[in-house]
Amino acid sequence: MYLPKSFEVTDPDKLGEIIRRFSFATLITTAEGVPFATHLPILHRVQPGAARTLVGHVARANPQWQHFVNQTESLAIFSGPHAYISPAWYATELAVPTWNYIAVHAYGVPRVIEDEVWLESLLDEMVQRYESNRPQPWPNQLPEDFRRNLLKSIVGFEMPISRIEGKFKLSQNRPEQDRANVVRELNGSTNPDSRAVADWMRVERSLPSM
């Protein structure tokens, strides 16, 4: 992606945090020169001495998994919070509207996994991940025959990350007073994404709380 140095983030732990917190991703592959995208949750696995890896599954009816067999580089996009930025918020007069946002692009070559034990473990991991914060988590106790049929209807994949790009466009190119004004305006918004951008701006630039 277009990545000016002022917005570039390379810290793998920080990029991993974005992947974990905003795990509903867009996975893009190509087949015969034609791009294909699937929107899906993807988990981020980190093991000592091994490449950071993305894992997930798609429906067997989804042709994308067949693209994995081609052993070509794929792209997973993780989008964090984003917000419109009005030039009316700046202390400097000559400015135009823009957008602040966080995005992580992870590249790698996916590998198809159809092993039912692996798939079952992945599904259990996903249920635990997304149910654990609920007051009454779903018990994940399905009849065995239903579960087996479910496993046959999906295809898993793992994608070791070969390269990764992080873009935190958070008004780093603006004067300090402009950044403080943007944080104040976003923090007063009723939009959760706008307030989240304000939080990230404070973290990244050590701006005061509002």
Foldseek 3Di string as FASTA:
>chain_A
DDADPLFWDDPPVVLLVLCLVQQQKWKWFDDPRRIDIDTGGWHWDDDPPAFIKIKDKDFPVDCVVVRLVVQDKMKIKGWAFKDKDQPVLAPDDDDHIDMWTKMKIFMFRKDKDLDLVVVVVVVVVVQCSVQVPPPDRDPPDDPPVVSVVVSVGMIMIMTRGPDMIIGGRQCSVPDPSSSLSQLVVLCPDPDPSSPVSSVVSCVVVVDDDD
